[in-house]
Amino acid sequence: MDSDFAMRLLIDTLIAALKMSAPVLLSTLVVGLLISIVQVVTQVQEMTLTFVPKIIVVGVVCVAMGGWMLSVAVELAKRMFAAAAGM
């Protein structure tokens, strides 16, 4: 294994991780921002008010996008095993 091959595997892994985590992180960011705006307007500073909706959104996004996230992980694994077999 040379350094170019190792760097390519690292790049592929980081891109796959970014693809899989982006929907969860972006949806949590949007919900957190909306809840923060509501808290500023109503002056209610309750910690569970931010935590519970984020957990619900993460669950919904994982259920909705889980199949796609799994397919990204499987494609990465296939490429890595194929590359390892070709060595």
C-alpha atoms as a PDB file:
ATOM      1  CA  MET A   1       0.000   0.000   0.000  1.00  0.00           C
ATOM      2  CA  ASP A   2       1.483   3.292  -1.042  1.00  0.00           C
ATOM      3  CA  SER A   3       0.695   6.706   0.361  1.00  0.00           C
ATOM      4  CA  ASP A   4      -1.484   7.727  -2.617  1.00  0.00           C
ATOM      5  CA  PHE A   5      -3.738   4.735  -2.069  1.00  0.00           C
ATOM      6  CA  ALA A   6      -4.003   5.419   1.659  1.00  0.00           C
ATOM      7  CA  MET A   7      -4.846   9.074   1.037  1.00  0.00           C
ATOM      8  CA  ARG A   8      -7.539   8.096  -1.484  1.00  0.00           C
ATOM      9  CA  LEU A   9      -9.110   5.730   1.053  1.00  0.00           C
ATOM     10  CA  LEU A  10      -8.993   8.464   3.688  1.00  0.00           C
ATOM     11  CA  ILE A  11     -10.619  10.983   1.354  1.00  0.00           C
ATOM     12  CA  ASP A  12     -13.343   8.514   0.351  1.00  0.00           C
ATOM     13  CA  THR A  13     -14.048   7.731   3.999  1.00  0.00           C
ATOM     14  CA  LEU A  14     -14.260  11.387   5.003  1.00  0.00           C
ATOM     15  CA  ILE A  15     -16.569  12.211   2.093  1.00  0.00           C
ATOM     16  CA  ALA A  16     -18.841   9.296   2.998  1.00  0.00           C
ATOM     17  CA  ALA A  17     -18.908  10.422   6.635  1.00  0.00           C
ATOM     18  CA  LEU A  18     -19.793  13.943   5.544  1.00  0.00           C
ATOM     19  CA  LYS A  19     -22.581  12.675   3.290  1.00  0.00           C
ATOM     20  CA  MET A  20     -24.050  10.486   6.035  1.00  0.00           C
ATOM     21  CA  SER A  21     -23.890  13.067   8.793  1.00  0.00           C
ATOM     22  CA  ALA A  22     -25.034  16.112   6.807  1.00  0.00           C
ATOM     23  CA  PRO A  23     -28.814  15.485   6.923  1.00  0.00           C
ATOM     24  CA  VAL A  24     -28.807  14.922  10.683  1.00  0.00           C
ATOM     25  CA  LEU A  25     -26.544  17.883  11.438  1.00  0.00           C
ATOM     26  CA  LEU A  26     -28.356  20.312   9.146  1.00  0.00           C
ATOM     27  CA  SER A  27     -31.818  19.384  10.423  1.00  0.00           C
ATOM     28  CA  THR A  28     -30.639  19.684  14.027  1.00  0.00           C
ATOM     29  CA  LEU A  29     -29.101  23.066  13.224  1.00  0.00           C
ATOM     30  CA  VAL A  30     -32.345  24.349  11.714  1.00  0.00           C
ATOM     31  CA  VAL A  31     -34.473  23.096  14.617  1.00  0.00           C
ATOM     32  CA  GLY A  32     -32.056  24.547  17.162  1.00  0.00           C
ATOM     33  CA  LEU A  33     -32.122  27.904  15.412  1.00  0.00           C
ATOM     34  CA  LEU A  34     -35.921  27.957  15.289  1.00  0.00           C
ATOM     35  CA  ILE A  35     -36.233  26.978  18.945  1.00  0.00           C
ATOM     36  CA  SER A  36     -33.692  29.658  19.907  1.00  0.00           C
ATOM     37  CA  ILE A  37     -35.721  32.290  18.064  1.00  0.00           C
ATOM     38  CA  VAL A  38     -38.868  31.154  19.875  1.00  0.00           C
ATOM     39  CA  GLN A  39     -37.025  31.288  23.209  1.00  0.00           C
ATOM     40  CA  VAL A  40     -35.802  34.817  22.546  1.00  0.00           C
ATOM     41  CA  VAL A  41     -39.258  36.010  21.556  1.00  0.00           C
ATOM     42  CA  THR A  42     -41.047  34.380  24.489  1.00  0.00           C
ATOM     43  CA  GLN A  43     -38.165  34.769  26.983  1.00  0.00           C
ATOM     44  CA  VAL A  44     -38.572  31.141  28.051  1.00  0.00           C
ATOM     45  CA  GLN A  45     -35.138  29.671  28.799  1.00  0.00           C
ATOM     46  CA  GLU A  46     -35.906  25.998  29.368  1.00  0.00           C
ATOM     47  CA  MET A  47     -33.195  23.491  28.418  1.00  0.00           C
ATOM     48  CA  THR A  48     -35.610  20.666  27.629  1.00  0.00           C
ATOM     49  CA  LEU A  49     -37.337  22.942  25.134  1.00  0.00           C
ATOM     50  CA  THR A  50     -34.249  22.700  22.916  1.00  0.00           C
ATOM     51  CA  PHE A  51     -33.262  19.127  23.687  1.00  0.00           C
ATOM     52  CA  VAL A  52     -36.512  17.228  23.091  1.00  0.00           C
ATOM     53  CA  PRO A  53     -37.343  18.626  19.609  1.00  0.00           C
ATOM     54  CA  LYS A  54     -33.787  17.980  18.450  1.00  0.00           C
ATOM     55  CA  ILE A  55     -33.970  14.352  19.587  1.00  0.00           C
ATOM     56  CA  ILE A  56     -37.302  13.921  17.802  1.00  0.00           C
ATOM     57  CA  VAL A  57     -35.948  15.458  14.587  1.00  0.00           C
ATOM     58  CA  VAL A  58     -32.830  13.274  14.703  1.00  0.00           C
ATOM     59  CA  GLY A  59     -35.022  10.193  15.046  1.00  0.00           C
ATOM     60  CA  VAL A  60     -37.265  11.244  12.159  1.00  0.00           C
ATOM     61  CA  VAL A  61     -34.305  12.055   9.909  1.00  0.00           C
ATOM     62  CA  CYS A  62     -32.616   8.752  10.735  1.00  0.00           C
ATOM     63  CA  VAL A  63     -35.777   6.833   9.889  1.00  0.00           C
ATOM     64  CA  ALA A  64     -36.385   8.831   6.710  1.00  0.00           C
ATOM     65  CA  MET A  65     -32.790   8.877   5.447  1.00  0.00           C
ATOM     66  CA  GLY A  66     -31.484   5.683   7.041  1.00  0.00           C
ATOM     67  CA  GLY A  67     -31.732   3.634   3.869  1.00  0.00           C
ATOM     68  CA  TRP A  68     -29.764   6.177   1.897  1.00  0.00           C
ATOM     69  CA  MET A  69     -27.141   6.480   4.652  1.00  0.00           C
ATOM     70  CA  LEU A  70     -26.770   2.702   4.705  1.00  0.00           C
ATOM     71  CA  SER A  71     -26.349   2.586   0.931  1.00  0.00           C
ATOM     72  CA  VAL A  72     -23.558   5.191   1.136  1.00  0.00           C
ATOM     73  CA  ALA A  73     -21.787   3.087   3.782  1.00  0.00           C
ATOM     74  CA  VAL A  74     -22.225  -0.113   1.771  1.00  0.00           C
ATOM     75  CA  GLU A  75     -20.846   1.494  -1.395  1.00  0.00           C
ATOM     76  CA  LEU A  76     -17.819   2.723   0.542  1.00  0.00           C
ATOM     77  CA  ALA A  77     -17.234  -0.767   1.951  1.00  0.00           C
ATOM     78  CA  LYS A  78     -17.557  -2.329  -1.507  1.00  0.00           C
ATOM     79  CA  ARG A  79     -15.015   0.105  -2.948  1.00  0.00           C
ATOM     80  CA  MET A  80     -12.596  -0.539  -0.097  1.00  0.00           C
ATOM     81  CA  PHE A  81     -12.882  -4.337  -0.350  1.00  0.00           C
ATOM     82  CA  ALA A  82     -12.512  -4.177  -4.125  1.00  0.00           C
ATOM     83  CA  ALA A  83      -9.414  -2.012  -3.760  1.00  0.00           C
ATOM     84  CA  ALA A  84      -7.973  -4.351  -1.132  1.00  0.00           C
ATOM     85  CA  ALA A  85      -8.625  -7.387  -3.333  1.00  0.00           C
ATOM     86  CA  GLY A  86      -6.910  -5.709  -6.266  1.00  0.00           C
ATOM     87  CA  MET A  87      -3.674  -5.231  -4.369  1.00  0.00           C
END
